PDB file of all heavy atoms in Angstrom:
ATOM      1  N   ILE A   1      -8.518  -6.300   3.280  1.00  0.00           N
ATOM      2  CA  ILE A   1      -7.864  -7.610   3.212  1.00  0.00           C
ATOM      3  C   ILE A   1      -6.393  -7.396   2.881  1.00  0.00           C
ATOM      4  O   ILE A   1      -6.058  -6.693   1.926  1.00  0.00           O
ATOM      5  CB  ILE A   1      -8.509  -8.505   2.130  1.00  0.00           C
ATOM      6  CG1 ILE A   1     -10.010  -8.683   2.393  1.00  0.00           C
ATOM      7  CG2 ILE A   1      -7.798  -9.849   2.052  1.00  0.00           C
ATOM      8  CD1 ILE A   1     -10.776  -9.311   1.233  1.00  0.00           C
ATOM      9  N   THR A   2      -5.529  -8.003   3.681  1.00  0.00           N
ATOM     10  CA  THR A   2      -4.086  -7.969   3.441  1.00  0.00           C
ATOM     11  C   THR A   2      -3.609  -9.398   3.276  1.00  0.00           C
ATOM     12  O   THR A   2      -3.999 -10.287   4.040  1.00  0.00           O
ATOM     13  CB  THR A   2      -3.347  -7.332   4.638  1.00  0.00           C
ATOM     14  OG1 THR A   2      -3.815  -5.987   4.795  1.00  0.00           O
ATOM     15  CG2 THR A   2      -1.844  -7.336   4.432  1.00  0.00           C
ATOM     16  N   ILE A   3      -2.772  -9.622   2.283  1.00  0.00           N
ATOM     17  CA  ILE A   3      -2.192 -10.950   2.063  1.00  0.00           C
ATOM     18  C   ILE A   3      -0.697 -10.871   2.366  1.00  0.00           C
ATOM     19  O   ILE A   3       0.001  -9.987   1.866  1.00  0.00           O
ATOM     20  CB  ILE A   3      -2.430 -11.435   0.619  1.00  0.00           C
ATOM     21  CG1 ILE A   3      -3.926 -11.615   0.376  1.00  0.00           C
ATOM     22  CG2 ILE A   3      -1.667 -12.735   0.353  1.00  0.00           C
ATOM     23  CD1 ILE A   3      -4.293 -11.959  -1.045  1.00  0.00           C
ATOM     24  N   ALA A   4      -0.233 -11.789   3.201  1.00  0.00           N
ATOM     25  CA  ALA A   4       1.199 -11.898   3.513  1.00  0.00           C
ATOM     26  C   ALA A   4       1.654 -13.285   3.056  1.00  0.00           C
ATOM     27  O   ALA A   4       1.108 -14.290   3.510  1.00  0.00           O
ATOM     28  CB  ALA A   4       1.434 -11.717   5.005  1.00  0.00           C
ATOM     29  N   LYS A   5       2.634 -13.330   2.173  1.00  0.00           N
ATOM     30  CA  LYS A   5       3.076 -14.602   1.604  1.00  0.00           C
ATOM     31  C   LYS A   5       4.370 -15.085   2.255  1.00  0.00           C
ATOM     32  O   LYS A   5       5.379 -14.393   2.236  1.00  0.00           O
ATOM     33  CB  LYS A   5       3.266 -14.478   0.097  1.00  0.00           C
ATOM     34  CG  LYS A   5       1.947 -14.252  -0.628  1.00  0.00           C
ATOM     35  CD  LYS A   5       2.113 -14.360  -2.120  1.00  0.00           C
ATOM     36  CE  LYS A   5       0.757 -14.266  -2.804  1.00  0.00           C
ATOM     37  NZ  LYS A   5       0.874 -14.458  -4.248  1.00  0.00           N
ATOM     38  N   ALA A   6       4.288 -16.294   2.822  1.00  0.00           N
ATOM     39  CA  ALA A   6       5.446 -16.952   3.433  1.00  0.00           C
ATOM     40  C   ALA A   6       5.927 -18.047   2.479  1.00  0.00           C
ATOM     41  O   ALA A   6       5.175 -18.490   1.604  1.00  0.00           O
ATOM     42  CB  ALA A   6       5.036 -17.559   4.767  1.00  0.00           C
ATOM     43  N   PRO A   7       7.156 -18.507   2.646  1.00  0.00           N
ATOM     44  CA  PRO A   7       7.649 -19.568   1.756  1.00  0.00           C
ATOM     45  C   PRO A   7       6.810 -20.847   1.800  1.00  0.00           C
ATOM     46  O   PRO A   7       6.539 -21.451   0.765  1.00  0.00           O
ATOM     47  CB  PRO A   7       9.069 -19.827   2.258  1.00  0.00           C
ATOM     48  CG  PRO A   7       9.470 -18.557   2.924  1.00  0.00           C
ATOM     49  CD  PRO A   7       8.205 -18.018   3.537  1.00  0.00           C
ATOM     50  N   GLY A   8       6.394 -21.260   3.002  1.00  0.00           N
ATOM     51  CA  GLY A   8       5.638 -22.505   3.114  1.00  0.00           C
ATOM     52  C   GLY A   8       4.823 -22.527   4.382  1.00  0.00           C
ATOM     53  O   GLY A   8       4.774 -21.551   5.149  1.00  0.00           O
ATOM     54  N   ALA A   9       4.175 -23.652   4.639  1.00  0.00           N
ATOM     55  CA  ALA A   9       3.311 -23.786   5.810  1.00  0.00           C
ATOM     56  C   ALA A   9       4.094 -23.688   7.112  1.00  0.00           C
ATOM     57  O   ALA A   9       3.589 -23.154   8.099  1.00  0.00           O
ATOM     58  CB  ALA A   9       2.544 -25.106   5.745  1.00  0.00           C
ATOM     59  N   TYR A  10       5.311 -24.189   7.130  1.00  0.00           N
ATOM     60  CA  TYR A  10       6.096 -24.188   8.369  1.00  0.00           C
ATOM     61  C   TYR A  10       6.371 -22.768   8.857  1.00  0.00           C
ATOM     62  O   TYR A  10       6.491 -22.530  10.057  1.00  0.00           O
ATOM     63  CB  TYR A  10       7.409 -24.950   8.163  1.00  0.00           C
ATOM     64  CG  TYR A  10       8.108 -25.272   9.451  1.00  0.00           C
ATOM     65  CD1 TYR A  10       7.668 -26.325  10.244  1.00  0.00           C
ATOM     66  CD2 TYR A  10       9.189 -24.522   9.895  1.00  0.00           C
ATOM     67  CE1 TYR A  10       8.297 -26.634  11.440  1.00  0.00           C
ATOM     68  CE2 TYR A  10       9.827 -24.819  11.092  1.00  0.00           C
ATOM     69  CZ  TYR A  10       9.377 -25.876  11.864  1.00  0.00           C
ATOM     70  OH  TYR A  10       9.988 -26.173  13.047  1.00  0.00           O
ATOM     71  N   GLU A  11       6.435 -21.823   7.940  1.00  0.00           N
ATOM     72  CA  GLU A  11       6.711 -20.434   8.294  1.00  0.00           C
ATOM     73  C   GLU A  11       5.455 -19.649   8.676  1.00  0.00           C
ATOM     74  O   GLU A  11       5.543 -18.515   9.157  1.00  0.00           O
ATOM     75  CB  GLU A  11       7.421 -19.736   7.124  1.00  0.00           C
ATOM     76  CG  GLU A  11       8.826 -20.244   6.848  1.00  0.00           C
ATOM     77  CD  GLU A  11       8.878 -21.610   6.139  1.00  0.00           C
ATOM     78  OE1 GLU A  11       7.906 -21.963   5.419  1.00  0.00           O
ATOM     79  OE2 GLU A  11       9.881 -22.321   6.307  1.00  0.00           O
ATOM     80  N   LEU A  12       4.282 -20.235   8.472  1.00  0.00           N
ATOM     81  CA  LEU A  12       3.034 -19.527   8.761  1.00  0.00           C
ATOM     82  C   LEU A  12       2.872 -19.083  10.211  1.00  0.00           C
ATOM     83  O   LEU A  12       2.391 -17.963  10.453  1.00  0.00           O
ATOM     84  CB  LEU A  12       1.829 -20.365   8.335  1.00  0.00           C
ATOM     85  CG  LEU A  12       1.576 -20.434   6.837  1.00  0.00           C
ATOM     86  CD1 LEU A  12       0.431 -21.396   6.538  1.00  0.00           C
ATOM     87  CD2 LEU A  12       1.285 -19.060   6.267  1.00  0.00           C
ATOM     88  N   PRO A  13       3.234 -19.888  11.209  1.00  0.00           N
ATOM     89  CA  PRO A  13       3.034 -19.412  12.589  1.00  0.00           C
ATOM     90  C   PRO A  13       3.736 -18.091  12.903  1.00  0.00           C
ATOM     91  O   PRO A  13       3.139 -17.211  13.535  1.00  0.00           O
ATOM     92  CB  PRO A  13       3.577 -20.561  13.440  1.00  0.00           C
ATOM     93  CG  PRO A  13       3.330 -21.777  12.596  1.00  0.00           C
ATOM     94  CD  PRO A  13       3.629 -21.304  11.188  1.00  0.00           C
ATOM     95  N   LEU A  14       4.948 -17.911  12.462  1.00  0.00           N
ATOM     96  CA  LEU A  14       5.655 -16.657  12.735  1.00  0.00           C
ATOM     97  C   LEU A  14       4.979 -15.488  12.026  1.00  0.00           C
ATOM     98  O   LEU A  14       4.806 -14.411  12.611  1.00  0.00           O
ATOM     99  CB  LEU A  14       7.123 -16.748  12.336  1.00  0.00           C
ATOM    100  CG  LEU A  14       7.963 -15.494  12.579  1.00  0.00           C
ATOM    101  CD1 LEU A  14       7.927 -15.076  14.049  1.00  0.00           C
ATOM    102  CD2 LEU A  14       9.398 -15.730  12.116  1.00  0.00           C
ATOM    103  N   VAL A  15       4.568 -15.701  10.791  1.00  0.00           N
ATOM    104  CA  VAL A  15       3.874 -14.639  10.049  1.00  0.00           C
ATOM    105  C   VAL A  15       2.544 -14.315  10.733  1.00  0.00           C
ATOM    106  O   VAL A  15       2.213 -13.147  10.940  1.00  0.00           O
ATOM    107  CB  VAL A  15       3.665 -15.050   8.576  1.00  0.00           C
ATOM    108  CG1 VAL A  15       2.811 -14.028   7.839  1.00  0.00           C
ATOM    109  CG2 VAL A  15       5.005 -15.223   7.879  1.00  0.00           C
ATOM    110  N   CYS A  16       1.790 -15.334  11.100  1.00  0.00           N
ATOM    111  CA  CYS A  16       0.498 -15.116  11.774  1.00  0.00           C
ATOM    112  C   CYS A  16       0.680 -14.419  13.109  1.00  0.00           C
ATOM    113  O   CYS A  16      -0.107 -13.536  13.467  1.00  0.00           O
ATOM    114  CB  CYS A  16      -0.236 -16.445  11.955  1.00  0.00           C
ATOM    115  SG  CYS A  16      -0.859 -17.137  10.413  1.00  0.00           S
ATOM    116  N   GLN A  17       1.699 -14.793  13.844  1.00  0.00           N
ATOM    117  CA  GLN A  17       1.976 -14.151  15.125  1.00  0.00           C
ATOM    118  C   GLN A  17       2.282 -12.669  14.927  1.00  0.00           C
ATOM    119  O   GLN A  17       1.789 -11.812  15.659  1.00  0.00           O
ATOM    120  CB  GLN A  17       3.127 -14.846  15.829  1.00  0.00           C
ATOM    121  CG  GLN A  17       3.430 -14.278  17.199  1.00  0.00           C
ATOM    122  CD  GLN A  17       4.556 -15.041  17.871  1.00  0.00           C
ATOM    123  OE1 GLN A  17       5.588 -15.313  17.259  1.00  0.00           O
ATOM    124  NE2 GLN A  17       4.330 -15.417  19.107  1.00  0.00           N
ATOM    125  N   SER A  18       3.088 -12.360  13.933  1.00  0.00           N
ATOM    126  CA  SER A  18       3.423 -10.962  13.653  1.00  0.00           C
ATOM    127  C   SER A  18       2.192 -10.166  13.244  1.00  0.00           C
ATOM    128  O   SER A  18       1.993  -9.035  13.690  1.00  0.00           O
ATOM    129  CB  SER A  18       4.489 -10.885  12.556  1.00  0.00           C
ATOM    130  OG  SER A  18       5.687 -11.476  12.995  1.00  0.00           O
ATOM    131  N   LEU A  19       1.346 -10.761  12.411  1.00  0.00           N
ATOM    132  CA  LEU A  19       0.110 -10.093  11.988  1.00  0.00           C
ATOM    133  C   LEU A  19      -0.816  -9.870  13.177  1.00  0.00           C
ATOM    134  O   LEU A  19      -1.360  -8.776  13.363  1.00  0.00           O
ATOM    135  CB  LEU A  19      -0.587 -10.920  10.909  1.00  0.00           C
ATOM    136  CG  LEU A  19       0.122 -10.987   9.548  1.00  0.00           C
ATOM    137  CD1 LEU A  19      -0.462 -12.114   8.699  1.00  0.00           C
ATOM    138  CD2 LEU A  19       0.034  -9.651   8.822  1.00  0.00           C
ATOM    139  N   ALA A  20      -1.006 -10.895  13.990  1.00  0.00           N
ATOM    140  CA  ALA A  20      -1.894 -10.793  15.147  1.00  0.00           C
ATOM    141  C   ALA A  20      -1.369  -9.771  16.157  1.00  0.00           C
ATOM    142  O   ALA A  20      -2.143  -8.996  16.730  1.00  0.00           O
ATOM    143  CB  ALA A  20      -2.081 -12.159  15.803  1.00  0.00           C
ATOM    144  N   ASN A  21      -0.076  -9.764  16.380  1.00  0.00           N
ATOM    145  CA  ASN A  21       0.523  -8.830  17.342  1.00  0.00           C
ATOM    146  C   ASN A  21       0.557  -7.390  16.846  1.00  0.00           C
ATOM    147  O   ASN A  21       0.749  -6.477  17.645  1.00  0.00           O
ATOM    148  CB  ASN A  21       1.945  -9.269  17.702  1.00  0.00           C
ATOM    149  CG  ASN A  21       1.963 -10.377  18.722  1.00  0.00           C
ATOM    150  OD1 ASN A  21       1.054 -10.511  19.527  1.00  0.00           O
ATOM    151  ND2 ASN A  21       3.006 -11.193  18.683  1.00  0.00           N
ATOM    152  N   SER A  22       0.385  -7.190  15.550  1.00  0.00           N
ATOM    153  CA  SER A  22       0.482  -5.837  14.990  1.00  0.00           C
ATOM    154  C   SER A  22      -0.652  -4.927  15.463  1.00  0.00           C
ATOM    155  O   SER A  22      -0.529  -3.705  15.416  1.00  0.00           O
ATOM    156  CB  SER A  22       0.469  -5.901  13.456  1.00  0.00           C
ATOM    157  OG  SER A  22      -0.838  -6.188  12.976  1.00  0.00           O
ATOM    158  N   GLY A  23      -1.768  -5.527  15.897  1.00  0.00           N
ATOM    159  CA  GLY A  23      -2.916  -4.733  16.300  1.00  0.00           C
ATOM    160  C   GLY A  23      -3.721  -4.190  15.135  1.00  0.00           C
ATOM    161  O   GLY A  23      -4.690  -3.458  15.320  1.00  0.00           O
ATOM    162  N   LYS A  24      -3.367  -4.562  13.924  1.00  0.00           N
ATOM    163  CA  LYS A  24      -4.036  -4.043  12.723  1.00  0.00           C
ATOM    164  C   LYS A  24      -5.193  -4.911  12.250  1.00  0.00           C
ATOM    165  O   LYS A  24      -5.999  -4.469  11.442  1.00  0.00           O
ATOM    166  CB  LYS A  24      -3.034  -3.932  11.572  1.00  0.00           C
ATOM    167  CG  LYS A  24      -1.899  -2.977  11.806  1.00  0.00           C
ATOM    168  CD  LYS A  24      -0.945  -3.010  10.622  1.00  0.00           C
ATOM    169  CE  LYS A  24       0.274  -2.163  10.848  1.00  0.00           C
ATOM    170  NZ  LYS A  24       1.219  -2.261   9.714  1.00  0.00           N
ATOM    171  N   TYR A  25      -5.262  -6.161  12.715  1.00  0.00           N
ATOM    172  CA  TYR A  25      -6.204  -7.115  12.127  1.00  0.00           C
ATOM    173  C   TYR A  25      -7.172  -7.669  13.163  1.00  0.00           C
ATOM    174  O   TYR A  25      -6.801  -7.961  14.290  1.00  0.00           O
ATOM    175  CB  TYR A  25      -5.435  -8.247  11.437  1.00  0.00           C
ATOM    176  CG  TYR A  25      -4.499  -7.687  10.397  1.00  0.00           C
ATOM    177  CD1 TYR A  25      -3.140  -7.560  10.652  1.00  0.00           C
ATOM    178  CD2 TYR A  25      -4.992  -7.218   9.191  1.00  0.00           C
ATOM    179  CE1 TYR A  25      -2.290  -6.990   9.715  1.00  0.00           C
ATOM    180  CE2 TYR A  25      -4.156  -6.639   8.257  1.00  0.00           C
ATOM    181  CZ  TYR A  25      -2.807  -6.528   8.516  1.00  0.00           C
ATOM    182  OH  TYR A  25      -1.978  -5.948   7.598  1.00  0.00           O
ATOM    183  N   ASP A  26      -8.414  -7.847  12.720  1.00  0.00           N
ATOM    184  CA  ASP A  26      -9.447  -8.426  13.567  1.00  0.00           C
ATOM    185  C   ASP A  26      -9.423  -9.950  13.502  1.00  0.00           C
ATOM    186  O   ASP A  26      -9.927 -10.612  14.405  1.00  0.00           O
ATOM    187  CB  ASP A  26     -10.816  -7.899  13.140  1.00  0.00           C
ATOM    188  CG  ASP A  26     -10.899  -6.397  13.326  1.00  0.00           C
ATOM    189  OD1 ASP A  26     -10.958  -5.963  14.490  1.00  0.00           O
ATOM    190  OD2 ASP A  26     -10.859  -5.660  12.328  1.00  0.00           O
ATOM    191  N   ALA A  27      -8.859 -10.493  12.429  1.00  0.00           N
ATOM    192  CA  ALA A  27      -8.710 -11.941  12.279  1.00  0.00           C
ATOM    193  C   ALA A  27      -7.590 -12.213  11.290  1.00  0.00           C
ATOM    194  O   ALA A  27      -7.325 -11.407  10.393  1.00  0.00           O
ATOM    195  CB  ALA A  27     -10.004 -12.585  11.788  1.00  0.00           C
ATOM    196  N   VAL A  28      -6.952 -13.348  11.485  1.00  0.00           N
ATOM    197  CA  VAL A  28      -5.892 -13.817  10.589  1.00  0.00           C
ATOM    198  C   VAL A  28      -6.293 -15.198  10.090  1.00  0.00           C
ATOM    199  O   VAL A  28      -6.687 -16.057  10.876  1.00  0.00           O
ATOM    200  CB  VAL A  28      -4.527 -13.892  11.318  1.00  0.00           C
ATOM    201  CG1 VAL A  28      -3.444 -14.433  10.399  1.00  0.00           C
ATOM    202  CG2 VAL A  28      -4.136 -12.527  11.879  1.00  0.00           C
ATOM    203  N   ILE A  29      -6.197 -15.384   8.796  1.00  0.00           N
ATOM    204  CA  ILE A  29      -6.530 -16.666   8.171  1.00  0.00           C
ATOM    205  C   ILE A  29      -5.230 -17.263   7.644  1.00  0.00           C
ATOM    206  O   ILE A  29      -4.560 -16.649   6.815  1.00  0.00           O
ATOM    207  CB  ILE A  29      -7.533 -16.480   7.020  1.00  0.00           C
ATOM    208  CG1 ILE A  29      -8.795 -15.771   7.519  1.00  0.00           C
ATOM    209  CG2 ILE A  29      -7.865 -17.823   6.371  1.00  0.00           C
ATOM    210  CD1 ILE A  29      -9.661 -15.198   6.408  1.00  0.00           C
ATOM    211  N   ALA A  30      -4.871 -18.441   8.144  1.00  0.00           N
ATOM    212  CA  ALA A  30      -3.667 -19.129   7.685  1.00  0.00           C
ATOM    213  C   ALA A  30      -4.060 -20.108   6.585  1.00  0.00           C
ATOM    214  O   ALA A  30      -4.906 -20.971   6.795  1.00  0.00           O
ATOM    215  CB  ALA A  30      -3.000 -19.870   8.834  1.00  0.00           C
ATOM    216  N   ILE A  31      -3.438 -19.966   5.421  1.00  0.00           N
ATOM    217  CA  ILE A  31      -3.752 -20.836   4.285  1.00  0.00           C
ATOM    218  C   ILE A  31      -2.467 -21.447   3.760  1.00  0.00           C
ATOM    219  O   ILE A  31      -1.469 -20.758   3.536  1.00  0.00           O
ATOM    220  CB  ILE A  31      -4.471 -20.054   3.175  1.00  0.00           C
ATOM    221  CG1 ILE A  31      -5.861 -19.652   3.655  1.00  0.00           C
ATOM    222  CG2 ILE A  31      -4.544 -20.869   1.887  1.00  0.00           C
ATOM    223  CD1 ILE A  31      -6.687 -18.902   2.650  1.00  0.00           C
TER     224      ILE A  31
END
């Protein structure tokens, strides 16, 4: 489990996109 902290919800799509594109994760959970 890796946690990536963004300032707020508006910034989550870019963080999720980077995580998903990294090829390291089988799933990304946006909270």
